[in-house]
Amino acid sequence: MTERGRGPLLPFGVAEVTGPSMVPTLHHGDRLLVHYGAPPRPGAVAVLRHPLQQDLLIVKRLVERRDGGWWVLGDNQAAEAVDSRSFGTVPAELVLGQVRARYRGIRPGRQRSVGVVVAWLLSAVRPVLADRSVSRRLRAR
């Protein structure tokens, strides 16, 4: 994931998703509106520093608060486990912000007809909501 557009005093920034770990909620190439400093809560999709490689930002769903931090999982359980299943809990200070929305660009090479542009406008921008039911379903055992 890459981060852009965040100055030291701005609470919002833009990040870009790389990889399939959050499918179907987020896809490779999606851009995210991130609310930095938002209080973390179970079920929310968050941007955080990887606990073992802190220069790497990742996006995961906050499943539950545990001793030592947050248990986080990707929404795509079939993807490689680059989440709490491989690195354990994430200290709370590494949770940077909550994802508020995602948007997708028009795919390169696609015809720019009125229908394509209207379809893009209707599907490109979506809020990314906290889903407590997802949090309960993904709870670690």
N, C-alpha and C. Protein backbone atom coordinates (compact mmCIF):
# COMPACT_ATOMS: atom_id res chain seq x y z
N MET A 1 0.84 -1.16 0.00
CA MET A 1 0.00 0.00 0.00
C MET A 1 0.89 1.22 0.00
N THR A 2 0.49 2.25 -0.72
CA THR A 2 1.24 3.49 -0.74
C THR A 2 0.38 4.60 -0.18
N GLU A 3 1.03 5.62 0.34
CA GLU A 3 0.33 6.72 0.98
C GLU A 3 0.70 8.02 0.29
N ARG A 4 -0.31 8.88 0.05
CA ARG A 4 -0.07 10.17 -0.56
C ARG A 4 -0.98 11.21 0.07
N GLY A 5 -0.60 12.47 -0.10
CA GLY A 5 -1.51 13.57 0.19
C GLY A 5 -1.79 13.82 1.65
N ARG A 6 -0.90 13.46 2.53
CA ARG A 6 -1.14 13.73 3.94
C ARG A 6 -0.05 14.62 4.47
N GLY A 7 -0.40 15.83 4.85
CA GLY A 7 0.55 16.72 5.48
C GLY A 7 0.53 16.51 6.98
N PRO A 8 1.43 17.16 7.71
CA PRO A 8 1.52 16.93 9.14
C PRO A 8 0.28 17.36 9.93
N LEU A 9 -0.51 18.30 9.41
CA LEU A 9 -1.66 18.78 10.15
C LEU A 9 -3.00 18.31 9.58
N LEU A 10 -2.97 17.58 8.49
CA LEU A 10 -4.21 17.15 7.86
C LEU A 10 -4.66 15.80 8.41
N PRO A 11 -5.92 15.70 8.83
CA PRO A 11 -6.40 14.42 9.36
C PRO A 11 -6.78 13.41 8.27
N PHE A 12 -6.87 13.87 7.01
CA PHE A 12 -7.25 12.97 5.93
C PHE A 12 -6.11 12.83 4.93
N GLY A 13 -6.03 11.65 4.33
CA GLY A 13 -5.03 11.40 3.31
C GLY A 13 -5.55 10.35 2.35
N VAL A 14 -4.76 10.11 1.32
CA VAL A 14 -5.11 9.14 0.29
C VAL A 14 -4.07 8.03 0.31
N ALA A 15 -4.53 6.79 0.19
CA ALA A 15 -3.64 5.64 0.10
C ALA A 15 -4.12 4.77 -1.06
N GLU A 16 -3.25 3.90 -1.55
CA GLU A 16 -3.59 3.02 -2.66
C GLU A 16 -3.39 1.57 -2.23
N VAL A 17 -4.34 0.72 -2.57
CA VAL A 17 -4.29 -0.69 -2.21
C VAL A 17 -3.42 -1.45 -3.20
N THR A 18 -2.56 -2.31 -2.66
CA THR A 18 -1.81 -3.24 -3.50
C THR A 18 -2.05 -4.64 -2.95
N GLY A 19 -2.38 -5.56 -3.83
CA GLY A 19 -2.58 -6.94 -3.42
C GLY A 19 -4.04 -7.28 -3.20
N PRO A 20 -4.33 -8.60 -3.04
CA PRO A 20 -5.70 -9.09 -2.97
C PRO A 20 -6.22 -9.38 -1.56
N SER A 21 -5.52 -8.99 -0.50
CA SER A 21 -5.91 -9.45 0.84
C SER A 21 -7.24 -8.92 1.34
N MET A 22 -7.75 -7.83 0.78
CA MET A 22 -9.01 -7.26 1.26
C MET A 22 -10.17 -7.46 0.29
N VAL A 23 -10.00 -8.28 -0.74
CA VAL A 23 -11.10 -8.61 -1.66
C VAL A 23 -12.16 -9.37 -0.86
N PRO A 24 -13.43 -9.10 -0.97
CA PRO A 24 -14.13 -8.29 -1.97
C PRO A 24 -14.33 -6.83 -1.56
N THR A 25 -13.95 -6.45 -0.35
CA THR A 25 -14.18 -5.07 0.10
C THR A 25 -13.34 -4.08 -0.70
N LEU A 26 -12.06 -4.39 -0.87
CA LEU A 26 -11.13 -3.53 -1.60
C LEU A 26 -10.39 -4.36 -2.63
N HIS A 27 -10.01 -3.73 -3.73
CA HIS A 27 -9.30 -4.42 -4.80
C HIS A 27 -7.97 -3.71 -5.07
N HIS A 28 -7.05 -4.46 -5.66
CA HIS A 28 -5.76 -3.91 -6.05
C HIS A 28 -6.00 -2.67 -6.92
N GLY A 29 -5.35 -1.59 -6.58
CA GLY A 29 -5.50 -0.35 -7.35
C GLY A 29 -6.53 0.62 -6.80
N ASP A 30 -7.38 0.17 -5.87
CA ASP A 30 -8.34 1.10 -5.26
C ASP A 30 -7.59 2.20 -4.53
N ARG A 31 -8.14 3.40 -4.57
CA ARG A 31 -7.62 4.50 -3.77
C ARG A 31 -8.53 4.64 -2.56
N LEU A 32 -7.92 4.99 -1.42
CA LEU A 32 -8.66 5.06 -0.17
C LEU A 32 -8.58 6.46 0.42
N LEU A 33 -9.69 6.92 0.96
CA LEU A 33 -9.70 8.12 1.77
C LEU A 33 -9.54 7.66 3.22
N VAL A 34 -8.43 8.06 3.84
CA VAL A 34 -8.09 7.59 5.18
C VAL A 34 -8.23 8.74 6.17
N HIS A 35 -8.94 8.47 7.27
CA HIS A 35 -9.09 9.44 8.36
C HIS A 35 -8.07 9.08 9.43
N TYR A 36 -6.93 9.77 9.39
CA TYR A 36 -5.85 9.49 10.32
C TYR A 36 -6.22 9.98 11.72
N GLY A 37 -5.91 9.18 12.71
CA GLY A 37 -6.20 9.54 14.10
C GLY A 37 -7.61 9.20 14.54
N ALA A 38 -8.44 8.64 13.65
CA ALA A 38 -9.79 8.25 14.04
C ALA A 38 -9.70 7.11 15.06
N PRO A 39 -10.54 7.12 16.06
CA PRO A 39 -10.48 6.06 17.07
C PRO A 39 -10.79 4.69 16.45
N PRO A 40 -9.92 3.71 16.68
CA PRO A 40 -10.18 2.37 16.11
C PRO A 40 -11.35 1.70 16.80
N ARG A 41 -12.09 0.90 16.02
CA ARG A 41 -13.21 0.14 16.59
C ARG A 41 -13.36 -1.17 15.86
N PRO A 42 -13.85 -2.19 16.52
CA PRO A 42 -14.00 -3.50 15.89
C PRO A 42 -14.86 -3.43 14.63
N GLY A 43 -14.42 -4.11 13.59
CA GLY A 43 -15.14 -4.15 12.33
C GLY A 43 -14.68 -3.12 11.32
N ALA A 44 -13.93 -2.11 11.77
CA ALA A 44 -13.48 -1.04 10.87
C ALA A 44 -12.31 -1.53 10.01
N VAL A 45 -12.21 -0.97 8.81
CA VAL A 45 -11.05 -1.20 7.95
C VAL A 45 -10.07 -0.08 8.28
N ALA A 46 -8.82 -0.47 8.55
CA ALA A 46 -7.84 0.51 9.03
C ALA A 46 -6.53 0.42 8.27
N VAL A 47 -5.80 1.53 8.27
CA VAL A 47 -4.44 1.57 7.77
C VAL A 47 -3.54 1.48 8.99
N LEU A 48 -2.55 0.60 8.92
CA LEU A 48 -1.65 0.42 10.04
C LEU A 48 -0.25 0.12 9.56
N ARG A 49 0.69 0.29 10.45
CA ARG A 49 2.07 -0.09 10.16
C ARG A 49 2.22 -1.57 10.43
N HIS A 50 2.91 -2.27 9.53
CA HIS A 50 3.19 -3.69 9.72
C HIS A 50 4.04 -3.81 10.98
N PRO A 51 3.66 -4.67 11.93
CA PRO A 51 4.39 -4.72 13.21
C PRO A 51 5.83 -5.22 13.10
N LEU A 52 6.15 -5.95 12.04
CA LEU A 52 7.50 -6.48 11.89
C LEU A 52 8.34 -5.68 10.90
N GLN A 53 7.69 -4.81 10.13
CA GLN A 53 8.36 -4.00 9.11
C GLN A 53 7.66 -2.64 9.09
N GLN A 54 7.97 -1.79 10.05
CA GLN A 54 7.17 -0.61 10.30
C GLN A 54 7.23 0.47 9.24
N ASP A 55 8.10 0.33 8.24
CA ASP A 55 8.06 1.27 7.12
C ASP A 55 7.03 0.86 6.07
N LEU A 56 6.37 -0.28 6.28
CA LEU A 56 5.36 -0.81 5.36
C LEU A 56 3.97 -0.54 5.93
N LEU A 57 3.11 0.12 5.15
CA LEU A 57 1.73 0.33 5.55
C LEU A 57 0.87 -0.77 4.97
N ILE A 58 -0.08 -1.25 5.77
CA ILE A 58 -1.01 -2.28 5.32
C ILE A 58 -2.43 -1.85 5.67
N VAL A 59 -3.38 -2.43 4.98
CA VAL A 59 -4.79 -2.16 5.28
C VAL A 59 -5.45 -3.49 5.63
N LYS A 60 -6.11 -3.51 6.79
CA LYS A 60 -6.75 -4.72 7.31
C LYS A 60 -8.00 -4.33 8.08
N ARG A 61 -8.82 -5.34 8.38
CA ARG A 61 -10.00 -5.14 9.20
C ARG A 61 -9.63 -5.38 10.66
N LEU A 62 -10.03 -4.45 11.53
CA LEU A 62 -9.81 -4.60 12.96
C LEU A 62 -10.87 -5.57 13.48
N VAL A 63 -10.45 -6.72 13.96
CA VAL A 63 -11.41 -7.74 14.38
C VAL A 63 -11.78 -7.56 15.84
N GLU A 64 -10.77 -7.52 16.71
CA GLU A 64 -11.06 -7.35 18.13
C GLU A 64 -9.84 -6.82 18.86
N ARG A 65 -10.13 -6.18 19.98
CA ARG A 65 -9.06 -5.68 20.85
C ARG A 65 -8.63 -6.81 21.76
N ARG A 66 -7.32 -7.02 21.88
CA ARG A 66 -6.77 -8.06 22.74
C ARG A 66 -5.65 -7.46 23.59
N ASP A 67 -5.17 -8.26 24.54
CA ASP A 67 -3.98 -7.84 25.28
C ASP A 67 -2.87 -7.64 24.27
N GLY A 68 -2.23 -6.52 24.31
CA GLY A 68 -1.12 -6.26 23.40
C GLY A 68 -1.50 -5.55 22.12
N GLY A 69 -2.79 -5.33 21.87
CA GLY A 69 -3.18 -4.60 20.67
C GLY A 69 -4.40 -5.13 19.97
N TRP A 70 -4.41 -4.99 18.64
CA TRP A 70 -5.55 -5.37 17.80
C TRP A 70 -5.25 -6.64 17.03
N TRP A 71 -6.25 -7.52 16.95
CA TRP A 71 -6.20 -8.68 16.07
C TRP A 71 -6.76 -8.19 14.74
N VAL A 72 -6.00 -8.30 13.67
CA VAL A 72 -6.41 -7.79 12.36
C VAL A 72 -6.37 -8.91 11.34
N LEU A 73 -7.33 -8.88 10.41
CA LEU A 73 -7.40 -9.89 9.35
C LEU A 73 -7.75 -9.22 8.03
N GLY A 74 -7.30 -9.83 6.94
CA GLY A 74 -7.75 -9.44 5.62
C GLY A 74 -9.13 -10.05 5.38
N ASP A 75 -9.94 -9.43 4.53
CA ASP A 75 -11.27 -9.97 4.23
C ASP A 75 -11.20 -11.20 3.34
N ASN A 76 -10.12 -11.36 2.59
CA ASN A 76 -9.96 -12.48 1.67
C ASN A 76 -9.21 -13.60 2.38
N GLN A 77 -9.95 -14.54 2.95
CA GLN A 77 -9.34 -15.62 3.72
C GLN A 77 -8.53 -16.57 2.85
N ALA A 78 -8.74 -16.55 1.52
CA ALA A 78 -7.98 -17.41 0.61
C ALA A 78 -6.61 -16.82 0.26
N ALA A 79 -6.43 -15.54 0.52
CA ALA A 79 -5.15 -14.88 0.21
C ALA A 79 -4.10 -15.27 1.25
N GLU A 80 -2.86 -15.07 0.89
CA GLU A 80 -1.76 -15.35 1.81
C GLU A 80 -1.97 -14.59 3.11
N ALA A 81 -1.71 -15.26 4.22
CA ALA A 81 -1.98 -14.68 5.54
C ALA A 81 -0.90 -13.67 5.94
N VAL A 82 -1.09 -12.44 5.49
CA VAL A 82 -0.22 -11.35 5.94
C VAL A 82 -1.08 -10.50 6.87
N ASP A 83 -1.41 -11.09 8.01
CA ASP A 83 -2.25 -10.44 9.00
C ASP A 83 -1.91 -11.04 10.36
N SER A 84 -2.79 -10.91 11.32
CA SER A 84 -2.49 -11.40 12.67
C SER A 84 -2.27 -12.90 12.75
N ARG A 85 -2.73 -13.64 11.74
CA ARG A 85 -2.45 -15.08 11.72
C ARG A 85 -0.96 -15.35 11.56
N SER A 86 -0.23 -14.40 10.98
CA SER A 86 1.21 -14.60 10.80
C SER A 86 2.06 -13.76 11.75
N PHE A 87 1.57 -12.59 12.20
CA PHE A 87 2.40 -11.75 13.05
C PHE A 87 1.79 -11.42 14.40
N GLY A 88 0.64 -11.96 14.73
CA GLY A 88 0.03 -11.72 16.04
C GLY A 88 -0.68 -10.39 16.12
N THR A 89 -0.88 -9.93 17.34
CA THR A 89 -1.59 -8.67 17.55
C THR A 89 -0.73 -7.49 17.11
N VAL A 90 -1.41 -6.42 16.74
CA VAL A 90 -0.75 -5.19 16.31
C VAL A 90 -0.90 -4.16 17.44
N PRO A 91 0.20 -3.64 17.96
CA PRO A 91 0.09 -2.62 19.01
C PRO A 91 -0.78 -1.45 18.56
N ALA A 92 -1.58 -0.93 19.48
CA ALA A 92 -2.54 0.13 19.16
C ALA A 92 -1.86 1.35 18.53
N GLU A 93 -0.63 1.65 18.92
CA GLU A 93 0.04 2.84 18.37
C GLU A 93 0.41 2.67 16.90
N LEU A 94 0.34 1.45 16.37
CA LEU A 94 0.62 1.23 14.94
C LEU A 94 -0.62 1.34 14.07
N VAL A 95 -1.81 1.45 14.68
CA VAL A 95 -3.05 1.68 13.93
C VAL A 95 -3.12 3.17 13.66
N LEU A 96 -2.98 3.56 12.39
CA LEU A 96 -2.85 4.96 12.02
C LEU A 96 -4.16 5.67 11.74
N GLY A 97 -5.10 4.97 11.13
CA GLY A 97 -6.35 5.63 10.77
C GLY A 97 -7.36 4.67 10.21
N GLN A 98 -8.56 5.18 10.03
CA GLN A 98 -9.68 4.38 9.54
C GLN A 98 -9.98 4.75 8.10
N VAL A 99 -10.26 3.75 7.28
CA VAL A 99 -10.62 3.97 5.89
C VAL A 99 -12.09 4.40 5.85
N ARG A 100 -12.33 5.55 5.25
CA ARG A 100 -13.70 6.09 5.18
C ARG A 100 -14.37 5.80 3.84
N ALA A 101 -13.58 5.77 2.75
CA ALA A 101 -14.15 5.54 1.43
C ALA A 101 -13.09 4.99 0.50
N ARG A 102 -13.55 4.37 -0.57
CA ARG A 102 -12.64 3.91 -1.62
C ARG A 102 -13.17 4.42 -2.95
N TYR A 103 -12.25 4.64 -3.86
CA TYR A 103 -12.67 5.00 -5.21
C TYR A 103 -11.76 4.29 -6.20
N ARG A 104 -12.30 4.02 -7.35
CA ARG A 104 -11.59 3.31 -8.41
C ARG A 104 -11.53 4.19 -9.64
N GLY A 105 -10.39 4.18 -10.30
CA GLY A 105 -10.26 4.92 -11.55
C GLY A 105 -10.87 4.14 -12.70
N ILE A 106 -11.08 4.81 -13.81
CA ILE A 106 -11.53 4.12 -15.03
C ILE A 106 -10.36 3.30 -15.54
N ARG A 107 -10.60 2.06 -15.88
CA ARG A 107 -9.52 1.19 -16.35
C ARG A 107 -8.91 1.73 -17.63
N PRO A 108 -7.59 1.69 -17.73
CA PRO A 108 -6.94 2.15 -18.96
C PRO A 108 -7.41 1.34 -20.16
N GLY A 109 -7.54 2.01 -21.28
CA GLY A 109 -7.93 1.33 -22.51
C GLY A 109 -9.42 1.18 -22.70
N ARG A 110 -10.21 1.50 -21.68
CA ARG A 110 -11.67 1.38 -21.84
C ARG A 110 -12.21 2.58 -22.61
N GLN A 111 -13.20 2.29 -23.41
CA GLN A 111 -13.85 3.35 -24.17
C GLN A 111 -14.49 4.35 -23.21
N ARG A 112 -14.41 5.61 -23.50
CA ARG A 112 -14.95 6.64 -22.62
C ARG A 112 -16.34 7.08 -23.09
N SER A 113 -17.22 6.15 -23.38
CA SER A 113 -18.57 6.49 -23.80
C SER A 113 -19.36 7.01 -22.60
N VAL A 114 -20.48 7.62 -22.87
CA VAL A 114 -21.33 8.15 -21.80
C VAL A 114 -21.74 7.02 -20.86
N GLY A 115 -22.09 5.86 -21.40
CA GLY A 115 -22.51 4.74 -20.56
C GLY A 115 -21.40 4.27 -19.63
N VAL A 116 -20.17 4.21 -20.14
CA VAL A 116 -19.04 3.78 -19.31
C VAL A 116 -18.80 4.80 -18.20
N VAL A 117 -18.85 6.07 -18.52
CA VAL A 117 -18.61 7.11 -17.53
C VAL A 117 -19.71 7.11 -16.47
N VAL A 118 -20.96 6.96 -16.86
CA VAL A 118 -22.07 6.90 -15.90
C VAL A 118 -21.94 5.67 -15.01
N ALA A 119 -21.63 4.53 -15.59
CA ALA A 119 -21.44 3.31 -14.79
C ALA A 119 -20.30 3.49 -13.80
N TRP A 120 -19.22 4.14 -14.24
CA TRP A 120 -18.10 4.40 -13.35
C TRP A 120 -18.52 5.31 -12.20
N LEU A 121 -19.25 6.39 -12.51
CA LEU A 121 -19.68 7.32 -11.46
C LEU A 121 -20.55 6.62 -10.42
N LEU A 122 -21.38 5.68 -10.85
CA LEU A 122 -22.27 4.99 -9.93
C LEU A 122 -21.55 3.95 -9.06
N SER A 123 -20.41 3.47 -9.53
CA SER A 123 -19.73 2.41 -8.78
C SER A 123 -18.36 2.79 -8.26
N ALA A 124 -17.80 3.91 -8.66
CA ALA A 124 -16.41 4.22 -8.36
C ALA A 124 -16.18 4.63 -6.91
N VAL A 125 -17.08 5.37 -6.33
CA VAL A 125 -16.88 5.87 -4.97
C VAL A 125 -17.88 5.22 -4.05
N ARG A 126 -17.36 4.59 -3.01
CA ARG A 126 -18.21 3.91 -2.03
C ARG A 126 -17.64 4.13 -0.64
N PRO A 127 -18.50 4.32 0.35
CA PRO A 127 -17.99 4.38 1.73
C PRO A 127 -17.51 2.99 2.14
N VAL A 128 -16.52 2.96 3.01
CA VAL A 128 -16.05 1.70 3.58
C VAL A 128 -16.49 1.74 5.04
N LEU A 129 -17.52 0.98 5.34
CA LEU A 129 -18.14 1.04 6.66
C LEU A 129 -17.60 -0.05 7.58
N ALA A 130 -17.64 0.23 8.85
CA ALA A 130 -17.33 -0.80 9.84
C ALA A 130 -18.47 -1.81 9.82
N ASP A 131 -18.13 -3.05 9.87
CA ASP A 131 -19.14 -4.11 9.82
C ASP A 131 -18.92 -5.04 11.01
N ARG A 132 -19.69 -4.83 12.05
CA ARG A 132 -19.52 -5.64 13.25
C ARG A 132 -19.81 -7.11 13.00
N SER A 133 -20.71 -7.43 12.07
CA SER A 133 -20.99 -8.84 11.78
C SER A 133 -19.77 -9.49 11.16
N VAL A 134 -19.04 -8.76 10.31
CA VAL A 134 -17.81 -9.29 9.73
C VAL A 134 -16.80 -9.53 10.84
N SER A 135 -16.73 -8.60 11.77
CA SER A 135 -15.81 -8.74 12.89
C SER A 135 -16.12 -10.02 13.67
N ARG A 136 -17.38 -10.31 13.90
CA ARG A 136 -17.74 -11.53 14.64
C ARG A 136 -17.44 -12.78 13.81
N ARG A 137 -17.68 -12.72 12.49
CA ARG A 137 -17.43 -13.89 11.65
C ARG A 137 -15.94 -14.18 11.53
N LEU A 138 -15.10 -13.14 11.55
CA LEU A 138 -13.68 -13.33 11.35
C LEU A 138 -12.92 -13.54 12.66
N ARG A 139 -13.63 -13.54 13.76
CA ARG A 139 -12.98 -13.68 15.07
C ARG A 139 -12.05 -14.89 15.08
N ALA A 140 -10.88 -14.69 15.55
CA ALA A 140 -9.89 -15.78 15.60
C ALA A 140 -10.29 -16.81 16.64
N ARG A 141 -9.91 -18.03 16.39
CA ARG A 141 -10.23 -19.10 17.35
C ARG A 141 -9.02 -19.52 18.09
